Amino acid sequence: MTMTAPAPTTVDKAPKRPRPSLLRRHPTLVVSPLIAVVALAAWVLAVEAFGVEPLILPPPLDVLDELWLMLTSAELYQNLLVTVSEFGIGFVLGSVLAIVVAAVLVRIPVLEKGFSPYIIAFQNFPKIAIAPMLITWFGFGMAPKTALATVLAFFPVFVNVIVGLKSSTREQRDLMRMLQASEWQTFWMLRVKVALPYIFAALRVAAVFSLLGAITGEFISSSQGLGYMLLQRNAQLHVDGVFALLIVMATIGLAVHGILGLLNRKVIFWEDHDQARRPMREESV
């Protein structure tokens, strides 16, 4: 009797999934430069083909030349430091104050109900309108611009922190009670963690408003800062300088947005940042 070896069995390997394209993996790296190229081409076409006056729309090369002159001069950095200081102090003060006040009001519902009519009333008028009063109260130095940046940063953070601290579900709170968590543990380990996406979404909006407040204050009364530089060049009909300064301001906004996005990913490491997007309440300026 002869033994025959069993025939080798073949294991079907699962087909490899094709690697996602660069557009799917990093859409920002592809789409954003493409939009910039299209916009730049439209800009050049408008200037060259349609003969748009430089006082209305300067050629891109003139703007780049002016931007290079600014970047190689001390004037830009001196004024940039002033604006960034006003914005930074106002943003931090407004955000921290908003988080503290919102947390206190959520913990004491009677106070929240008492303050809510005044909060709603203050939300519904343009905060930029108080800029002249702030200059009257605080003078012509750095203080009124910082105060305006603080006010503009306060309300988007305040409103969203209240919404975020109230967004935990009944089931989550019941689970904390079953685990015999104290009120403080429930607040810190549940309510605050649930509110973090709301807080970071609000901080991004508050950063934009705070920078807007600092520059607007410099428009009204200042002898230094990016707003003052912009006002000077606008008065001199130096339009390419105005466009160059707008690029600088946009770069500051993008840098702050990127820093906050990085902090968001580091702090809320458990969240899927590509999928999860919290609604952001609109805030009037």
Protein backbone atom coordinates (compact mmCIF):
# COMPACT_ATOMS: atom_id res chain seq x y z
CA MET A 1 0.00 0.00 0.00
CA THR A 2 1.48 3.24 -1.09
CA MET A 3 0.88 6.59 0.64
CA THR A 4 0.35 9.56 -1.60
CA ALA A 5 1.20 12.99 -0.32
CA PRO A 6 -1.77 15.34 -0.14
CA ALA A 7 -1.91 17.87 -2.91
CA PRO A 8 -0.78 21.31 -1.73
CA THR A 9 -3.64 23.65 -1.12
CA THR A 10 -3.47 27.13 -2.48
CA VAL A 11 -4.56 29.96 -0.27
CA ASP A 12 -6.22 32.76 -2.15
CA LYS A 13 -4.62 35.96 -1.13
CA ALA A 14 -6.92 38.90 -0.66
CA PRO A 15 -6.40 41.40 -3.44
CA LYS A 16 -4.46 44.40 -2.37
CA ARG A 17 -6.45 47.54 -2.17
CA PRO A 18 -5.15 50.23 -4.45
CA ARG A 19 -3.42 53.00 -2.58
CA PRO A 20 -5.61 56.13 -2.37
CA SER A 21 -4.55 58.93 -4.62
CA LEU A 22 -2.75 61.99 -3.31
CA LEU A 23 -5.96 63.97 -3.77
CA ARG A 24 -7.83 61.64 -1.40
CA ARG A 25 -5.01 61.42 1.13
CA HIS A 26 -4.07 65.09 1.26
CA PRO A 27 -6.75 67.13 -0.53
CA THR A 28 -5.45 70.40 0.90
CA LEU A 29 -2.01 69.89 -0.67
CA VAL A 30 -3.59 69.48 -4.11
CA VAL A 31 -6.71 71.64 -4.13
CA SER A 32 -5.37 74.70 -2.29
CA PRO A 33 -2.39 75.31 -4.64
CA LEU A 34 -4.68 74.70 -7.62
CA ILE A 35 -7.11 77.35 -6.40
CA ALA A 36 -4.20 79.75 -5.84
CA VAL A 37 -2.93 79.18 -9.39
CA VAL A 38 -6.39 79.75 -10.87
CA ALA A 39 -6.91 82.90 -8.81
CA LEU A 40 -3.47 84.24 -9.78
CA ALA A 41 -4.14 83.51 -13.45
CA ALA A 42 -7.48 85.33 -13.25
CA TRP A 43 -5.73 88.25 -11.54
CA VAL A 44 -3.09 88.49 -14.29
CA LEU A 45 -5.77 88.16 -16.97
CA ALA A 46 -7.83 90.95 -15.42
CA VAL A 47 -4.82 93.28 -15.31
CA GLU A 48 -3.24 92.47 -18.65
CA ALA A 49 -6.13 91.54 -20.94
CA PHE A 50 -8.83 93.85 -19.64
CA GLY A 51 -6.58 96.76 -18.74
CA VAL A 52 -7.72 97.19 -15.13
CA GLU A 53 -6.17 100.31 -13.62
CA PRO A 54 -3.39 99.70 -11.01
CA LEU A 55 -5.28 101.93 -8.55
CA ILE A 56 -8.10 99.39 -8.66
CA LEU A 57 -6.15 96.14 -9.01
CA PRO A 58 -2.33 96.30 -9.04
CA PRO A 59 -0.32 93.71 -11.01
CA PRO A 60 0.73 90.67 -8.95
CA LEU A 61 4.44 91.35 -9.53
CA ASP A 62 4.09 94.86 -8.10
CA VAL A 63 2.43 93.41 -5.00
CA LEU A 64 5.19 90.81 -4.61
CA ASP A 65 7.85 93.51 -5.00
CA GLU A 66 6.18 95.61 -2.32
CA LEU A 67 5.83 92.56 -0.06
CA TRP A 68 9.54 91.83 -0.46
CA LEU A 69 10.42 95.42 0.42
CA MET A 70 8.28 95.13 3.57
CA LEU A 71 9.84 91.82 4.59
CA THR A 72 13.32 93.31 4.30
CA SER A 73 12.50 96.45 6.30
CA ALA A 74 12.31 97.01 10.04
CA GLU A 75 9.05 98.96 9.76
CA LEU A 76 6.95 95.85 9.15
CA TYR A 77 8.34 93.91 12.12
CA GLN A 78 7.98 96.83 14.54
CA ASN A 79 4.33 97.29 13.62
CA LEU A 80 3.73 93.55 13.41
CA LEU A 81 4.93 93.15 16.99
CA VAL A 82 2.45 95.80 18.16
CA THR A 83 -0.53 94.19 16.41
CA VAL A 84 0.38 90.65 17.46
CA SER A 85 0.80 91.82 21.08
CA GLU A 86 -2.63 93.48 21.09
CA PHE A 87 -4.22 90.48 19.44
CA GLY A 88 -2.45 87.87 21.56
CA ILE A 89 -3.20 89.49 24.92
CA GLY A 90 -6.81 90.19 23.96
CA PHE A 91 -7.37 86.68 22.60
CA VAL A 92 -5.97 84.95 25.69
CA LEU A 93 -7.76 87.25 28.15
CA GLY A 94 -11.10 87.00 26.34
CA SER A 95 -10.92 83.22 25.92
CA VAL A 96 -9.87 82.45 29.50
CA LEU A 97 -12.45 84.84 30.94
CA ALA A 98 -15.17 83.34 28.72
CA ILE A 99 -14.35 79.77 29.79
CA VAL A 100 -14.31 80.67 33.49
CA VAL A 101 -17.56 82.67 33.39
CA ALA A 102 -19.35 80.03 31.31
CA ALA A 103 -18.25 77.24 33.66
CA VAL A 104 -19.51 79.18 36.70
CA LEU A 105 -22.87 79.95 35.10
CA VAL A 106 -23.40 76.33 34.04
CA ARG A 107 -22.64 75.20 37.59
CA ILE A 108 -25.12 77.74 39.00
CA PRO A 109 -28.27 77.62 36.80
CA VAL A 110 -29.94 80.48 38.68
CA LEU A 111 -27.14 82.84 37.67
CA GLU A 112 -27.26 81.61 34.08
CA LYS A 113 -30.98 82.34 33.81
CA GLY A 114 -30.49 85.75 35.41
CA PHE A 115 -27.68 86.73 33.04
CA SER A 116 -29.16 85.22 29.87
CA PRO A 117 -31.26 88.31 28.83
CA TYR A 118 -28.19 90.55 29.08
CA ILE A 119 -26.05 88.02 27.22
CA ILE A 120 -28.58 87.82 24.39
CA ALA A 121 -28.87 91.61 24.24
CA PHE A 122 -25.10 92.12 24.13
CA GLN A 123 -24.72 89.45 21.46
CA ASN A 124 -27.10 91.19 19.09
CA PHE A 125 -25.30 94.48 18.60
CA PRO A 126 -22.00 94.99 16.74
CA LYS A 127 -19.15 94.99 19.22
CA ILE A 128 -17.03 97.10 16.85
CA ALA A 129 -19.36 99.99 17.76
CA ILE A 130 -17.84 100.22 21.24
CA ALA A 131 -14.35 100.95 19.84
CA PRO A 132 -14.70 104.78 20.14
CA MET A 133 -15.88 104.41 23.74
CA LEU A 134 -12.93 102.17 24.59
CA ILE A 135 -10.56 104.81 23.23
CA THR A 136 -12.32 107.43 25.36
CA TRP A 137 -12.00 105.25 28.48
CA PHE A 138 -8.49 103.83 27.98
CA GLY A 139 -6.74 106.51 25.92
CA PHE A 140 -4.78 106.20 22.69
CA GLY A 141 -2.24 103.55 23.63
CA MET A 142 -2.29 99.79 23.42
CA ALA A 143 -5.06 99.32 26.04
CA PRO A 144 -8.17 100.12 23.92
CA LYS A 145 -7.08 97.80 21.08
CA THR A 146 -6.40 95.02 23.56
CA ALA A 147 -9.77 95.64 25.23
CA LEU A 148 -11.59 95.46 21.89
CA ALA A 149 -9.76 92.24 21.00
CA THR A 150 -10.77 90.83 24.40
CA VAL A 151 -14.45 91.69 23.92
CA LEU A 152 -14.54 90.18 20.43
CA ALA A 153 -12.84 86.98 21.63
CA PHE A 154 -15.12 86.62 24.66
CA PHE A 155 -18.54 85.96 23.16
CA PRO A 156 -17.92 83.17 20.62
CA VAL A 157 -16.01 81.23 23.27
CA PHE A 158 -18.55 81.98 26.01
CA VAL A 159 -21.58 80.85 23.99
CA ASN A 160 -19.95 77.66 22.75
CA VAL A 161 -18.55 76.67 26.15
CA ILE A 162 -22.05 76.88 27.62
CA VAL A 163 -23.45 74.75 24.78
CA GLY A 164 -20.58 72.28 25.09
CA LEU A 165 -20.88 71.88 28.86
CA LYS A 166 -24.58 71.09 28.42
CA SER A 167 -24.10 68.65 25.56
CA SER A 168 -23.49 65.48 27.59
CA THR A 169 -26.34 62.96 27.30
CA ARG A 170 -28.56 61.67 30.10
CA GLU A 171 -27.09 58.18 29.63
CA GLN A 172 -23.57 59.50 30.16
CA ARG A 173 -24.58 61.32 33.34
CA ASP A 174 -26.44 58.24 34.62
CA LEU A 175 -23.31 56.16 34.01
CA MET A 176 -21.23 58.59 36.06
CA ARG A 177 -23.75 58.35 38.90
CA MET A 178 -23.63 54.54 38.73
CA LEU A 179 -19.87 54.76 39.06
CA GLN A 180 -20.44 56.94 42.17
CA ALA A 181 -18.58 59.89 40.65
CA SER A 182 -18.79 63.14 42.56
CA GLU A 183 -20.23 66.31 41.02
CA TRP A 184 -16.75 67.66 40.44
CA GLN A 185 -15.58 64.40 38.82
CA THR A 186 -18.66 64.38 36.56
CA PHE A 187 -18.04 67.98 35.59
CA TRP A 188 -14.32 67.56 34.89
CA MET A 189 -14.25 64.03 33.43
CA LEU A 190 -17.50 64.17 31.45
CA ARG A 191 -18.81 67.68 30.80
CA VAL A 192 -15.44 69.29 30.11
CA LYS A 193 -14.28 66.48 27.80
CA VAL A 194 -17.53 66.57 25.85
CA ALA A 195 -17.19 70.36 25.56
CA LEU A 196 -13.61 70.35 24.24
CA PRO A 197 -14.55 70.16 20.51
CA TYR A 198 -16.89 73.11 21.02
CA ILE A 199 -14.17 75.06 22.82
CA PHE A 200 -11.57 74.56 20.09
CA ALA A 201 -14.07 75.40 17.35
CA ALA A 202 -14.89 78.61 19.25
CA LEU A 203 -11.21 79.46 19.76
CA ARG A 204 -10.63 79.44 16.00
CA VAL A 205 -13.48 81.88 15.44
CA ALA A 206 -12.41 83.99 18.44
CA ALA A 207 -8.88 84.27 17.06
CA VAL A 208 -10.21 85.77 13.81
CA PHE A 209 -12.46 88.20 15.68
CA SER A 210 -9.70 89.18 18.09
CA LEU A 211 -7.27 89.98 15.26
CA LEU A 212 -10.05 91.96 13.57
CA GLY A 213 -10.59 93.91 16.80
CA ALA A 214 -6.92 94.81 17.19
CA ILE A 215 -6.62 96.02 13.57
CA THR A 216 -9.94 97.91 13.72
CA GLY A 217 -8.80 99.71 16.86
CA GLU A 218 -5.65 100.76 15.00
CA PHE A 219 -7.82 102.14 12.21
CA ILE A 220 -9.65 104.41 14.64
CA SER A 221 -6.73 105.77 16.61
CA SER A 222 -3.14 104.62 16.48
CA SER A 223 0.34 105.63 15.38
CA GLN A 224 1.65 102.08 15.01
CA GLY A 225 0.50 98.60 14.09
CA LEU A 226 -0.53 96.86 10.86
CA GLY A 227 -3.83 98.72 10.83
CA TYR A 228 -1.99 102.04 10.96
CA MET A 229 0.30 100.93 8.10
CA LEU A 230 -2.73 99.90 6.05
CA LEU A 231 -4.44 103.21 6.70
CA GLN A 232 -1.32 105.14 5.70
CA ARG A 233 -0.89 103.32 2.39
CA ASN A 234 -4.57 103.60 1.60
CA ALA A 235 -4.46 107.37 2.16
CA GLN A 236 -1.44 107.59 -0.17
CA LEU A 237 -3.26 105.48 -2.84
CA HIS A 238 -0.42 102.97 -2.47
CA VAL A 239 -2.66 100.05 -3.49
CA ASP A 240 0.10 97.47 -4.00
CA GLY A 241 1.22 98.19 -0.42
CA VAL A 242 -2.35 97.64 0.78
CA PHE A 243 -2.48 94.27 -0.99
CA ALA A 244 0.90 93.29 0.47
CA LEU A 245 -0.31 94.10 3.98
CA LEU A 246 -3.48 92.08 3.39
CA ILE A 247 -1.27 89.11 2.53
CA VAL A 248 0.66 89.60 5.78
CA MET A 249 -2.57 89.73 7.80
CA ALA A 250 -3.92 86.63 6.06
CA THR A 251 -0.67 84.81 6.84
CA ILE A 252 -1.02 85.67 10.53
CA GLY A 253 -4.57 84.31 10.52
CA LEU A 254 -3.47 81.08 8.83
CA ALA A 255 -0.61 80.63 11.30
CA VAL A 256 -2.90 81.06 14.31
CA HIS A 257 -5.47 78.72 12.76
CA GLY A 258 -2.75 76.10 12.19
CA ILE A 259 -1.46 76.37 15.78
CA LEU A 260 -4.96 75.95 17.19
CA GLY A 261 -5.59 73.01 14.86
CA LEU A 262 -2.40 71.34 16.08
CA LEU A 263 -3.41 71.88 19.72
CA ASN A 264 -6.84 70.49 18.89
CA ARG A 265 -5.34 67.26 17.54
CA LYS A 266 -2.97 66.93 20.51
CA VAL A 267 -5.56 67.62 23.23
CA ILE A 268 -8.56 65.82 21.69
CA PHE A 269 -6.49 62.88 20.49
CA TRP A 270 -9.44 60.48 20.63
CA GLU A 271 -11.52 62.40 18.10
CA ASP A 272 -11.64 61.66 14.37
CA HIS A 273 -10.79 65.13 13.12
CA ASP A 274 -11.58 64.27 9.50
CA GLN A 275 -15.09 63.07 10.31
CA ALA A 276 -16.20 64.86 13.45
CA ARG A 277 -17.17 68.47 13.01
CA ARG A 278 -19.03 70.28 15.72
CA PRO A 279 -21.53 73.01 14.77
CA MET A 280 -20.29 76.49 15.47
CA ARG A 281 -22.78 79.12 16.52
CA GLU A 282 -22.67 82.28 14.47
CA GLU A 283 -21.48 85.35 16.31
CA SER A 284 -22.05 88.87 15.14
CA VAL A 285 -19.19 91.33 15.18
